[in-house]
Amino acid sequence: MSRTPRVALLDYGSGNVHSAAKALEAAGAEVEVTADRRVALEAAGLVVPGVGAFKAVIDQLHAVRGDEIIDRRLAGGRPVLGICVGMQVMFEHGVERGVDTEGLGEWPGVVTELPAQVLPHMGWNTVTPDEGSVLFDGIEDERFYFVHSFAAQQWLLDVMPPFPAPKLTWAEHGGPFLAAVENGPLSATQFHPEKSAAAGIRLLANWIGTLH
């Protein structure tokens, strides 16, 4: 049996899947770029990339029943990692230019425009992870690469024992926003690990290290 975890990279028409696939391979995964339901459900991990508008990403996910795949995996405690808009769509709603779009609803809350004078927030930025973060183990002081104008700016989910409290990572651009979340089987980053050089590869390797 292969000791290299198999990761399905959900190919639904949004996101730079090729650079993400290369980064995941560099981090130690065997990667399959796919929209096949069976492959996506059976892989040790599922990565959901996303670039562009919240509504477009949601529409494309629904078109390949990606929402069902994500929900089914999470219901079974199977790891999922969202990247950029792939993180944003995990929340209940996204509001962009007056358009309110229903998200996947895995987490309560809304994604809104950052209150910054300069948008998009583009480039390298520091982050502040919670103590005990698995994703940021050994890279707590590194910078990561962001390209976005919208983000979740509040965390509204109350997690009660015996479930472990989520690990939240914050960054600032015009105000605080969620740069990453680790919540049971669902993790996500607002930045692009695949564009974040060695620190991004290390973060992906940390996530891959949790897969069985």
Foldseek 3Di string as FASTA:
>chain_A
DDPAFEEEEEPQPFAPVVLVCVLLVVLGHRYDDDLDLVSLQPGLEYEYEHDDDLVVSQVSCVVSVVLVSVVVCVVVLRAYEYEASRVQLCEQWEADPNDIDGGSHVFYAYKYFAQAPDPDPFAWFAKAKDPPDLLCVPPNGAIFTAHGGIATQDHDDDDDPPADDKIFMWTDHNHIGTQWIGGRRYIYGNTDLSPGPPSSSSSSSSVSVVTD
